[in-house]
Amino acid sequence: QAAPARMVIQAPTTISTKNKIAQRIGVILYPSYVMRNVLFNRFEGNSLHINPSGNLTVTGLGKSRFYIIPTGNTEIWQQVDITVREPQMRLTSSGKIRLNNGRIRIV
């Protein structure tokens, strides 16, 4: 059975508490024919929970740190830091409030 030689992580760096889109940590293992077994280990922080599929659930404000470990080659683990923050008003480049269909846009 082949072991992964490289791993690419796709994860958000910040998440707003008002975010309505489901967030997840995506993992791509190379070569592509290896088994896609990965462990998501929360190391510190309680602002996020993660399930075995990599889906994130916001539980509060703060910073959480995860270790992503492929089971076929644990030496290529990576660390991911994600911050959960309060929602903010979106501004234009000139500093004015950005509107979305006449309503204030919050991100």
PDB file of N, CA and C in Angstrom:
ATOM      1  N   GLN A   1       0.841  -1.180   0.000  1.00  0.00           N
ATOM      2  CA  GLN A   1       0.000   0.000   0.000  1.00  0.00           C
ATOM      3  C   GLN A   1       0.883   1.240   0.000  1.00  0.00           C
ATOM      4  N   ALA A   2       0.595   2.151  -0.885  1.00  0.00           N
ATOM      5  CA  ALA A   2       1.405   3.359  -1.047  1.00  0.00           C
ATOM      6  C   ALA A   2       1.097   4.373   0.042  1.00  0.00           C
ATOM      7  N   ALA A   3       2.110   5.124   0.404  1.00  0.00           N
ATOM      8  CA  ALA A   3       1.973   6.184   1.405  1.00  0.00           C
ATOM      9  C   ALA A   3       1.997   7.533   0.697  1.00  0.00           C
ATOM     10  N   PRO A   4       1.284   8.534   1.232  1.00  0.00           N
ATOM     11  CA  PRO A   4       1.317   9.856   0.610  1.00  0.00           C
ATOM     12  C   PRO A   4       2.695  10.493   0.761  1.00  0.00           C
ATOM     13  N   ALA A   5       3.099  11.210  -0.273  1.00  0.00           N
ATOM     14  CA  ALA A   5       4.386  11.890  -0.258  1.00  0.00           C
ATOM     15  C   ALA A   5       4.236  13.377   0.031  1.00  0.00           C
ATOM     16  N   ARG A   6       3.047  13.913  -0.238  1.00  0.00           N
ATOM     17  CA  ARG A   6       2.810  15.347  -0.063  1.00  0.00           C
ATOM     18  C   ARG A   6       1.353  15.566   0.290  1.00  0.00           C
ATOM     19  N   MET A   7       1.095  16.642   1.042  1.00  0.00           N
ATOM     20  CA  MET A   7      -0.261  16.962   1.459  1.00  0.00           C
ATOM     21  C   MET A   7      -0.494  18.459   1.287  1.00  0.00           C
ATOM     22  N   VAL A   8      -1.650  18.814   0.726  1.00  0.00           N
ATOM     23  CA  VAL A   8      -2.038  20.215   0.553  1.00  0.00           C
ATOM     24  C   VAL A   8      -3.312  20.439   1.369  1.00  0.00           C
ATOM     25  N   ILE A   9      -3.288  21.485   2.202  1.00  0.00           N
ATOM     26  CA  ILE A   9      -4.416  21.822   3.080  1.00  0.00           C
ATOM     27  C   ILE A   9      -5.124  23.061   2.535  1.00  0.00           C
ATOM     28  N   GLN A  10      -6.445  23.019   2.505  1.00  0.00           N
ATOM     29  CA  GLN A  10      -7.263  24.177   2.138  1.00  0.00           C
ATOM     30  C   GLN A  10      -8.176  24.480   3.314  1.00  0.00           C
ATOM     31  N   ALA A  11      -7.871  25.569   4.036  1.00  0.00           N
ATOM     32  CA  ALA A  11      -8.637  25.908   5.235  1.00  0.00           C
ATOM     33  C   ALA A  11      -8.792  27.423   5.347  1.00  0.00           C
ATOM     34  N   PRO A  12      -9.910  27.884   5.898  1.00  0.00           N
ATOM     35  CA  PRO A  12     -10.071  29.321   6.133  1.00  0.00           C
ATOM     36  C   PRO A  12      -9.171  29.777   7.280  1.00  0.00           C
ATOM     37  N   THR A  13      -8.709  31.022   7.223  1.00  0.00           N
ATOM     38  CA  THR A  13      -7.899  31.553   8.318  1.00  0.00           C
ATOM     39  C   THR A  13      -8.753  32.225   9.373  1.00  0.00           C
ATOM     40  N   THR A  14      -9.877  32.838   8.946  1.00  0.00           N
ATOM     41  CA  THR A  14     -10.820  33.442   9.894  1.00  0.00           C
ATOM     42  C   THR A  14     -12.239  33.066   9.495  1.00  0.00           C
ATOM     43  N   ILE A  15     -13.097  32.956  10.499  1.00  0.00           N
ATOM     44  CA  ILE A  15     -14.513  32.667  10.289  1.00  0.00           C
ATOM     45  C   ILE A  15     -15.301  33.634  11.161  1.00  0.00           C
ATOM     46  N   SER A  16     -16.344  34.226  10.600  1.00  0.00           N
ATOM     47  CA  SER A  16     -17.227  35.100  11.363  1.00  0.00           C
ATOM     48  C   SER A  16     -18.290  34.264  12.069  1.00  0.00           C
ATOM     49  N   THR A  17     -18.740  34.718  13.220  1.00  0.00           N
ATOM     50  CA  THR A  17     -19.782  33.986  13.930  1.00  0.00           C
ATOM     51  C   THR A  17     -21.116  34.028  13.186  1.00  0.00           C
ATOM     52  N   LYS A  18     -21.308  34.983  12.291  1.00  0.00           N
ATOM     53  CA  LYS A  18     -22.538  35.099  11.505  1.00  0.00           C
ATOM     54  C   LYS A  18     -22.423  34.419  10.143  1.00  0.00           C
ATOM     55  N   ASN A  19     -21.337  33.705   9.895  1.00  0.00           N
ATOM     56  CA  ASN A  19     -21.135  33.042   8.618  1.00  0.00           C
ATOM     57  C   ASN A  19     -22.198  31.961   8.423  1.00  0.00           C
ATOM     58  N   LYS A  20     -22.908  32.009   7.293  1.00  0.00           N
ATOM     59  CA  LYS A  20     -23.982  31.049   7.035  1.00  0.00           C
ATOM     60  C   LYS A  20     -23.525  29.901   6.137  1.00  0.00           C
ATOM     61  N   ILE A  21     -22.331  29.999   5.593  1.00  0.00           N
ATOM     62  CA  ILE A  21     -21.804  28.963   4.713  1.00  0.00           C
ATOM     63  C   ILE A  21     -20.996  27.970   5.541  1.00  0.00           C
ATOM     64  N   ALA A  22     -21.264  26.686   5.353  1.00  0.00           N
ATOM     65  CA  ALA A  22     -20.536  25.652   6.094  1.00  0.00           C
ATOM     66  C   ALA A  22     -19.063  25.686   5.712  1.00  0.00           C
ATOM     67  N   GLN A  23     -18.200  25.704   6.710  1.00  0.00           N
ATOM     68  CA  GLN A  23     -16.760  25.757   6.486  1.00  0.00           C
ATOM     69  C   GLN A  23     -16.160  24.380   6.762  1.00  0.00           C
ATOM     70  N   ARG A  24     -15.053  24.081   6.069  1.00  0.00           N
ATOM     71  CA  ARG A  24     -14.393  22.802   6.278  1.00  0.00           C
ATOM     72  C   ARG A  24     -12.908  22.931   5.982  1.00  0.00           C
ATOM     73  N   ILE A  25     -12.156  21.967   6.456  1.00  0.00           N
ATOM     74  CA  ILE A  25     -10.740  21.868   6.136  1.00  0.00           C
ATOM     75  C   ILE A  25     -10.623  20.795   5.065  1.00  0.00           C
ATOM     76  N   GLY A  26     -10.153  21.207   3.899  1.00  0.00           N
ATOM     77  CA  GLY A  26      -9.979  20.283   2.786  1.00  0.00           C
ATOM     78  C   GLY A  26      -8.548  19.778   2.733  1.00  0.00           C
ATOM     79  N   VAL A  27      -8.389  18.502   2.405  1.00  0.00           N
ATOM     80  CA  VAL A  27      -7.066  17.886   2.353  1.00  0.00           C
ATOM     81  C   VAL A  27      -6.930  17.161   1.022  1.00  0.00           C
ATOM     82  N   ILE A  28      -5.806  17.402   0.344  1.00  0.00           N
ATOM     83  CA  ILE A  28      -5.475  16.689  -0.889  1.00  0.00           C
ATOM     84  C   ILE A  28      -4.153  15.976  -0.656  1.00  0.00           C
ATOM     85  N   LEU A  29      -4.148  14.663  -0.868  1.00  0.00           N
ATOM     86  CA  LEU A  29      -2.934  13.867  -0.707  1.00  0.00           C
ATOM     87  C   LEU A  29      -2.373  13.497  -2.074  1.00  0.00           C
ATOM     88  N   TYR A  30      -1.054  13.526  -2.190  1.00  0.00           N
ATOM     89  CA  TYR A  30      -0.369  13.164  -3.433  1.00  0.00           C
ATOM     90  C   TYR A  30       0.594  12.025  -3.175  1.00  0.00           C
ATOM     91  N   PRO A  31       0.727  11.082  -4.049  1.00  0.00           N
ATOM     92  CA  PRO A  31       0.014  10.898  -5.309  1.00  0.00           C
ATOM     93  C   PRO A  31      -1.470  10.622  -5.065  1.00  0.00           C
ATOM     94  N   SER A  32      -2.279  10.867  -6.083  1.00  0.00           N
ATOM     95  CA  SER A  32      -3.732  10.853  -5.916  1.00  0.00           C
ATOM     96  C   SER A  32      -4.318   9.467  -5.683  1.00  0.00           C
ATOM     97  N   TYR A  33      -3.559   8.416  -5.925  1.00  0.00           N
ATOM     98  CA  TYR A  33      -4.097   7.065  -5.768  1.00  0.00           C
ATOM     99  C   TYR A  33      -3.949   6.506  -4.350  1.00  0.00           C
ATOM    100  N   VAL A  34      -3.351   7.254  -3.422  1.00  0.00           N
ATOM    101  CA  VAL A  34      -3.196   6.753  -2.045  1.00  0.00           C
ATOM    102  C   VAL A  34      -4.519   6.850  -1.294  1.00  0.00           C
ATOM    103  N   MET A  35      -4.639   6.087  -0.222  1.00  0.00           N
ATOM    104  CA  MET A  35      -5.838   6.132   0.616  1.00  0.00           C
ATOM    105  C   MET A  35      -5.951   7.518   1.262  1.00  0.00           C
ATOM    106  N   ARG A  36      -7.152   8.061   1.305  1.00  0.00           N
ATOM    107  CA  ARG A  36      -7.362   9.412   1.815  1.00  0.00           C
ATOM    108  C   ARG A  36      -7.753   9.391   3.286  1.00  0.00           C
ATOM    109  N   ASN A  37      -6.967   8.746   4.101  1.00  0.00           N
ATOM    110  CA  ASN A  37      -7.222   8.690   5.538  1.00  0.00           C
ATOM    111  C   ASN A  37      -6.439   9.796   6.229  1.00  0.00           C
ATOM    112  N   VAL A  38      -7.171  10.675   6.908  1.00  0.00           N
ATOM    113  CA  VAL A  38      -6.554  11.813   7.586  1.00  0.00           C
ATOM    114  C   VAL A  38      -7.202  11.977   8.957  1.00  0.00           C
ATOM    115  N   LEU A  39      -6.390  12.292   9.956  1.00  0.00           N
ATOM    116  CA  LEU A  39      -6.893  12.585  11.297  1.00  0.00           C
ATOM    117  C   LEU A  39      -6.874  14.094  11.515  1.00  0.00           C
ATOM    118  N   PHE A  40      -7.943  14.622  12.095  1.00  0.00           N
ATOM    119  CA  PHE A  40      -8.032  16.032  12.465  1.00  0.00           C
ATOM    120  C   PHE A  40      -7.964  16.089  13.987  1.00  0.00           C
ATOM    121  N   ASN A  41      -6.864  16.589  14.519  1.00  0.00           N
ATOM    122  CA  ASN A  41      -6.643  16.623  15.957  1.00  0.00           C
ATOM    123  C   ASN A  41      -6.654  18.078  16.440  1.00  0.00           C
ATOM    124  N   ARG A  42      -7.651  18.432  17.264  1.00  0.00           N
ATOM    125  CA  ARG A  42      -7.684  19.793  17.828  1.00  0.00           C
ATOM    126  C   ARG A  42      -6.668  19.844  18.959  1.00  0.00           C
ATOM    127  N   PHE A  43      -5.709  20.756  18.853  1.00  0.00           N
ATOM    128  CA  PHE A  43      -4.626  20.843  19.825  1.00  0.00           C
ATOM    129  C   PHE A  43      -4.932  21.853  20.922  1.00  0.00           C
ATOM    130  N   GLU A  44      -5.432  23.027  20.521  1.00  0.00           N
ATOM    131  CA  GLU A  44      -5.780  24.039  21.520  1.00  0.00           C
ATOM    132  C   GLU A  44      -6.891  24.920  21.000  1.00  0.00           C
ATOM    133  N   GLY A  45      -7.607  25.533  21.920  1.00  0.00           N
ATOM    134  CA  GLY A  45      -8.713  26.415  21.580  1.00  0.00           C
ATOM    135  C   GLY A  45     -10.044  25.683  21.602  1.00  0.00           C
ATOM    136  N   ASN A  46     -11.082  26.411  21.971  1.00  0.00           N
ATOM    137  CA  ASN A  46     -12.424  25.836  22.024  1.00  0.00           C
ATOM    138  C   ASN A  46     -13.415  26.582  21.148  1.00  0.00           C
ATOM    139  N   SER A  47     -12.933  27.363  20.198  1.00  0.00           N
ATOM    140  CA  SER A  47     -13.840  28.145  19.368  1.00  0.00           C
ATOM    141  C   SER A  47     -14.426  27.335  18.221  1.00  0.00           C
ATOM    142  N   LEU A  48     -13.826  26.197  17.899  1.00  0.00           N
ATOM    143  CA  LEU A  48     -14.301  25.359  16.790  1.00  0.00           C
ATOM    144  C   LEU A  48     -14.280  23.891  17.182  1.00  0.00           C
ATOM    145  N   HIS A  49     -15.248  23.160  16.639  1.00  0.00           N
ATOM    146  CA  HIS A  49     -15.229  21.705  16.703  1.00  0.00           C
ATOM    147  C   HIS A  49     -15.101  21.199  15.277  1.00  0.00           C
ATOM    148  N   ILE A  50     -14.483  20.048  15.112  1.00  0.00           N
ATOM    149  CA  ILE A  50     -14.297  19.474  13.788  1.00  0.00           C
ATOM    150  C   ILE A  50     -14.746  18.021  13.826  1.00  0.00           C
ATOM    151  N   ASN A  51     -15.423  17.576  12.764  1.00  0.00           N
ATOM    152  CA  ASN A  51     -15.816  16.178  12.710  1.00  0.00           C
ATOM    153  C   ASN A  51     -14.804  15.403  11.860  1.00  0.00           C
ATOM    154  N   PRO A  52     -14.892  14.079  11.792  1.00  0.00           N
ATOM    155  CA  PRO A  52     -13.899  13.300  11.039  1.00  0.00           C
ATOM    156  C   PRO A  52     -13.843  13.606   9.548  1.00  0.00           C
ATOM    157  N   SER A  53     -14.852  14.260   9.001  1.00  0.00           N
ATOM    158  CA  SER A  53     -14.841  14.634   7.584  1.00  0.00           C
ATOM    159  C   SER A  53     -14.188  15.990   7.339  1.00  0.00           C
ATOM    160  N   GLY A  54     -13.841  16.722   8.394  1.00  0.00           N
ATOM    161  CA  GLY A  54     -13.213  18.030   8.259  1.00  0.00           C
ATOM    162  C   GLY A  54     -14.170  19.191   8.325  1.00  0.00           C
ATOM    163  N   ASN A  55     -15.460  18.942   8.593  1.00  0.00           N
ATOM    164  CA  ASN A  55     -16.444  20.015   8.699  1.00  0.00           C
ATOM    165  C   ASN A  55     -16.296  20.733  10.032  1.00  0.00           C
ATOM    166  N   LEU A  56     -16.325  22.069   9.979  1.00  0.00           N
ATOM    167  CA  LEU A  56     -16.120  22.897  11.160  1.00  0.00           C
ATOM    168  C   LEU A  56     -17.448  23.406  11.708  1.00  0.00           C
ATOM    169  N   THR A  57     -17.555  23.455  13.041  1.00  0.00           N
ATOM    170  CA  THR A  57     -18.718  24.011  13.727  1.00  0.00           C
ATOM    171  C   THR A  57     -18.229  25.074  14.703  1.00  0.00           C
ATOM    172  N   VAL A  58     -18.755  26.292  14.580  1.00  0.00           N
ATOM    173  CA  VAL A  58     -18.366  27.392  15.460  1.00  0.00           C
ATOM    174  C   VAL A  58     -19.036  27.205  16.814  1.00  0.00           C
ATOM    175  N   THR A  59     -18.221  27.285  17.894  1.00  0.00           N
ATOM    176  CA  THR A  59     -18.755  27.154  19.256  1.00  0.00           C
ATOM    177  C   THR A  59     -18.478  28.385  20.115  1.00  0.00           C
ATOM    178  N   GLY A  60     -17.728  29.346  19.588  1.00  0.00           N
ATOM    179  CA  GLY A  60     -17.441  30.548  20.356  1.00  0.00           C
ATOM    180  C   GLY A  60     -16.393  31.392  19.653  1.00  0.00           C
ATOM    181  N   LEU A  61     -15.962  32.447  20.313  1.00  0.00           N
ATOM    182  CA  LEU A  61     -14.938  33.336  19.771  1.00  0.00           C
ATOM    183  C   LEU A  61     -13.559  32.851  20.189  1.00  0.00           C
ATOM    184  N   GLY A  62     -12.547  33.181  19.385  1.00  0.00           N
ATOM    185  CA  GLY A  62     -11.172  32.856  19.750  1.00  0.00           C
ATOM    186  C   GLY A  62     -10.432  32.151  18.635  1.00  0.00           C
ATOM    187  N   LYS A  63      -9.322  31.543  19.016  1.00  0.00           N
ATOM    188  CA  LYS A  63      -8.444  30.895  18.061  1.00  0.00           C
ATOM    189  C   LYS A  63      -8.342  29.412  18.389  1.00  0.00           C
ATOM    190  N   SER A  64      -8.398  28.583  17.353  1.00  0.00           N
ATOM    191  CA  SER A  64      -8.241  27.144  17.527  1.00  0.00           C
ATOM    192  C   SER A  64      -7.108  26.661  16.634  1.00  0.00           C
ATOM    193  N   ARG A  65      -6.380  25.682  17.125  1.00  0.00           N
ATOM    194  CA  ARG A  65      -5.257  25.108  16.388  1.00  0.00           C
ATOM    195  C   ARG A  65      -5.522  23.617  16.175  1.00  0.00           C
ATOM    196  N   PHE A  66      -5.342  23.186  14.931  1.00  0.00           N
ATOM    197  CA  PHE A  66      -5.559  21.794  14.564  1.00  0.00           C
ATOM    198  C   PHE A  66      -4.287  21.225  13.950  1.00  0.00           C
ATOM    199  N   TYR A  67      -4.061  19.930  14.206  1.00  0.00           N
ATOM    200  CA  TYR A  67      -3.023  19.192  13.510  1.00  0.00           C
ATOM    201  C   TYR A  67      -3.718  18.261  12.519  1.00  0.00           C
ATOM    202  N   ILE A  68      -3.290  18.323  11.266  1.00  0.00           N
ATOM    203  CA  ILE A  68      -3.827  17.466  10.221  1.00  0.00           C
ATOM    204  C   ILE A  68      -2.772  16.391   9.968  1.00  0.00           C
ATOM    205  N   ILE A  69      -3.131  15.120  10.201  1.00  0.00           N
ATOM    206  CA  ILE A  69      -2.156  14.034  10.163  1.00  0.00           C
ATOM    207  C   ILE A  69      -2.646  12.939   9.214  1.00  0.00           C
ATOM    208  N   PRO A  70      -1.948  12.713   8.107  1.00  0.00           N
ATOM    209  CA  PRO A  70      -2.312  11.586   7.249  1.00  0.00           C
ATOM    210  C   PRO A  70      -1.836  10.284   7.891  1.00  0.00           C
ATOM    211  N   THR A  71      -2.708   9.285   7.955  1.00  0.00           N
ATOM    212  CA  THR A  71      -2.369   8.053   8.657  1.00  0.00           C
ATOM    213  C   THR A  71      -1.326   7.221   7.913  1.00  0.00           C
ATOM    214  N   GLY A  72      -1.201   7.401   6.606  1.00  0.00           N
ATOM    215  CA  GLY A  72      -0.232   6.621   5.841  1.00  0.00           C
ATOM    216  C   GLY A  72       1.190   7.124   5.963  1.00  0.00           C
ATOM    217  N   ASN A  73       1.383   8.393   6.340  1.00  0.00           N
ATOM    218  CA  ASN A  73       2.712   8.981   6.484  1.00  0.00           C
ATOM    219  C   ASN A  73       2.599  10.131   7.489  1.00  0.00           C
ATOM    220  N   THR A  74       2.744   9.821   8.765  1.00  0.00           N
ATOM    221  CA  THR A  74       2.532  10.819   9.805  1.00  0.00           C
ATOM    222  C   THR A  74       3.601  11.907   9.821  1.00  0.00           C
ATOM    223  N   GLU A  75       4.693  11.713   9.115  1.00  0.00           N
ATOM    224  CA  GLU A  75       5.777  12.705   9.095  1.00  0.00           C
ATOM    225  C   GLU A  75       5.419  13.974   8.334  1.00  0.00           C
ATOM    226  N   ILE A  76       4.390  13.940   7.506  1.00  0.00           N
ATOM    227  CA  ILE A  76       4.058  15.133   6.711  1.00  0.00           C
ATOM    228  C   ILE A  76       2.858  15.891   7.302  1.00  0.00           C
ATOM    229  N   TRP A  77       2.654  15.784   8.624  1.00  0.00           N
ATOM    230  CA  TRP A  77       1.553  16.488   9.285  1.00  0.00           C
ATOM    231  C   TRP A  77       1.700  17.989   9.093  1.00  0.00           C
ATOM    232  N   GLN A  78       0.584  18.704   9.212  1.00  0.00           N
ATOM    233  CA  GLN A  78       0.587  20.165   9.111  1.00  0.00           C
ATOM    234  C   GLN A  78      -0.295  20.757  10.203  1.00  0.00           C
ATOM    235  N   GLN A  79       0.002  21.994  10.537  1.00  0.00           N
ATOM    236  CA  GLN A  79      -0.743  22.730  11.558  1.00  0.00           C
ATOM    237  C   GLN A  79      -1.613  23.780  10.883  1.00  0.00           C
ATOM    238  N   VAL A  80      -2.845  23.919  11.375  1.00  0.00           N
ATOM    239  CA  VAL A  80      -3.778  24.916  10.849  1.00  0.00           C
ATOM    240  C   VAL A  80      -4.300  25.733  12.028  1.00  0.00           C
ATOM    241  N   ASP A  81      -4.220  27.068  11.932  1.00  0.00           N
ATOM    242  CA  ASP A  81      -4.761  27.981  12.932  1.00  0.00           C
ATOM    243  C   ASP A  81      -5.949  28.717  12.328  1.00  0.00           C
ATOM    244  N   ILE A  82      -7.086  28.663  13.010  1.00  0.00           N
ATOM    245  CA  ILE A  82      -8.301  29.328  12.533  1.00  0.00           C
ATOM    246  C   ILE A  82      -8.838  30.212  13.649  1.00  0.00           C
ATOM    247  N   THR A  83      -9.144  31.469  13.312  1.00  0.00           N
ATOM    248  CA  THR A  83      -9.668  32.430  14.280  1.00  0.00           C
ATOM    249  C   THR A  83     -11.150  32.650  14.016  1.00  0.00           C
ATOM    250  N   VAL A  84     -11.956  32.576  15.068  1.00  0.00           N
ATOM    251  CA  VAL A  84     -13.382  32.899  14.991  1.00  0.00           C
ATOM    252  C   VAL A  84     -13.547  34.293  15.569  1.00  0.00           C
ATOM    253  N   ARG A  85     -14.157  35.195  14.786  1.00  0.00           N
ATOM    254  CA  ARG A  85     -14.261  36.601  15.179  1.00  0.00           C
ATOM    255  C   ARG A  85     -15.700  37.072  15.103  1.00  0.00           C
ATOM    256  N   GLU A  86     -15.943  38.238  15.713  1.00  0.00           N
ATOM    257  CA  GLU A  86     -17.244  38.901  15.626  1.00  0.00           C
ATOM    258  C   GLU A  86     -17.472  39.381  14.191  1.00  0.00           C
ATOM    259  N   PRO A  87     -18.713  39.523  13.754  1.00  0.00           N
ATOM    260  CA  PRO A  87     -18.980  40.068  12.425  1.00  0.00           C
ATOM    261  C   PRO A  87     -18.533  41.521  12.327  1.00  0.00           C
ATOM    262  N   GLN A  88     -18.148  41.929  11.130  1.00  0.00           N
ATOM    263  CA  GLN A  88     -17.696  43.296  10.886  1.00  0.00           C
ATOM    264  C   GLN A  88     -18.448  43.867   9.699  1.00  0.00           C
ATOM    265  N   MET A  89     -18.587  45.214   9.685  1.00  0.00           N
ATOM    266  CA  MET A  89     -19.184  45.866   8.530  1.00  0.00           C
ATOM    267  C   MET A  89     -18.171  45.896   7.402  1.00  0.00           C
ATOM    268  N   ARG A  90     -18.639  45.638   6.211  1.00  0.00           N
ATOM    269  CA  ARG A  90     -17.770  45.672   5.047  1.00  0.00           C
ATOM    270  C   ARG A  90     -17.683  47.111   4.555  1.00  0.00           C
ATOM    271  N   LEU A  91     -16.465  47.597   4.305  1.00  0.00           N
ATOM    272  CA  LEU A  91     -16.248  48.976   3.860  1.00  0.00           C
ATOM    273  C   LEU A  91     -15.703  49.000   2.448  1.00  0.00           C
ATOM    274  N   THR A  92     -15.951  50.121   1.756  1.00  0.00           N
ATOM    275  CA  THR A  92     -15.372  50.327   0.431  1.00  0.00           C
ATOM    276  C   THR A  92     -13.924  50.753   0.596  1.00  0.00           C
ATOM    277  N   SER A  93     -13.214  50.868  -0.518  1.00  0.00           N
ATOM    278  CA  SER A  93     -11.805  51.271  -0.456  1.00  0.00           C
ATOM    279  C   SER A  93     -11.638  52.694   0.070  1.00  0.00           C
ATOM    280  N   SER A  94     -12.680  53.531  -0.065  1.00  0.00           N
ATOM    281  CA  SER A  94     -12.601  54.890   0.450  1.00  0.00           C
ATOM    282  C   SER A  94     -13.041  54.986   1.913  1.00  0.00           C
ATOM    283  N   GLY A  95     -13.470  53.868   2.521  1.00  0.00           N
ATOM    284  CA  GLY A  95     -13.828  53.859   3.932  1.00  0.00           C
ATOM    285  C   GLY A  95     -15.304  54.039   4.219  1.00  0.00           C
ATOM    286  N   LYS A  96     -16.147  54.108   3.169  1.00  0.00           N
ATOM    287  CA  LYS A  96     -17.581  54.245   3.375  1.00  0.00           C
ATOM    288  C   LYS A  96     -18.205  52.863   3.562  1.00  0.00           C
ATOM    289  N   ILE A  97     -19.397  52.834   4.166  1.00  0.00           N
ATOM    290  CA  ILE A  97     -20.096  51.576   4.392  1.00  0.00           C
ATOM    291  C   ILE A  97     -20.528  50.991   3.049  1.00  0.00           C
ATOM    292  N   ARG A  98     -20.213  49.709   2.845  1.00  0.00           N
ATOM    293  CA  ARG A  98     -20.589  49.042   1.601  1.00  0.00           C
ATOM    294  C   ARG A  98     -22.015  48.520   1.735  1.00  0.00           C
ATOM    295  N   LEU A  99     -22.844  48.836   0.749  1.00  0.00           N
ATOM    296  CA  LEU A  99     -24.230  48.412   0.755  1.00  0.00           C
ATOM    297  C   LEU A  99     -24.433  47.267  -0.233  1.00  0.00           C
ATOM    298  N   ASN A 100     -25.363  46.387   0.114  1.00  0.00           N
ATOM    299  CA  ASN A 100     -25.723  45.273  -0.737  1.00  0.00           C
ATOM    300  C   ASN A 100     -27.223  45.320  -0.919  1.00  0.00           C
ATOM    301  N   ASN A 101     -27.683  45.767  -2.073  1.00  0.00           N
ATOM    302  CA  ASN A 101     -29.117  45.976  -2.342  1.00  0.00           C
ATOM    303  C   ASN A 101     -29.747  46.915  -1.334  1.00  0.00           C
ATOM    304  N   GLY A 102     -29.047  47.999  -1.016  1.00  0.00           N
ATOM    305  CA  GLY A 102     -29.543  49.008  -0.102  1.00  0.00           C
ATOM    306  C   GLY A 102     -29.437  48.655   1.369  1.00  0.00           C
ATOM    307  N   ARG A 103     -28.833  47.510   1.682  1.00  0.00           N
ATOM    308  CA  ARG A 103     -28.670  47.095   3.069  1.00  0.00           C
ATOM    309  C   ARG A 103     -27.196  47.023   3.408  1.00  0.00           C
ATOM    310  N   ILE A 104     -26.881  47.223   4.693  1.00  0.00           N
ATOM    311  CA  ILE A 104     -25.500  47.159   5.143  1.00  0.00           C
ATOM    312  C   ILE A 104     -24.996  45.734   4.990  1.00  0.00           C
ATOM    313  N   ARG A 105     -23.781  45.596   4.473  1.00  0.00           N
ATOM    314  CA  ARG A 105     -23.205  44.277   4.274  1.00  0.00           C
ATOM    315  C   ARG A 105     -22.302  43.919   5.448  1.00  0.00           C
ATOM    316  N   ILE A 106     -22.570  42.785   6.072  1.00  0.00           N
ATOM    317  CA  ILE A 106     -21.795  42.334   7.223  1.00  0.00           C
ATOM    318  C   ILE A 106     -21.071  41.052   6.830  1.00  0.00           C
ATOM    319  N   VAL A 107     -19.779  40.978   7.178  1.00  0.00           N
ATOM    320  CA  VAL A 107     -18.989  39.765   6.889  1.00  0.00           C
ATOM    321  C   VAL A 107     -18.310  39.299   8.155  1.00  0.00           C
TER     322      VAL A 107
END
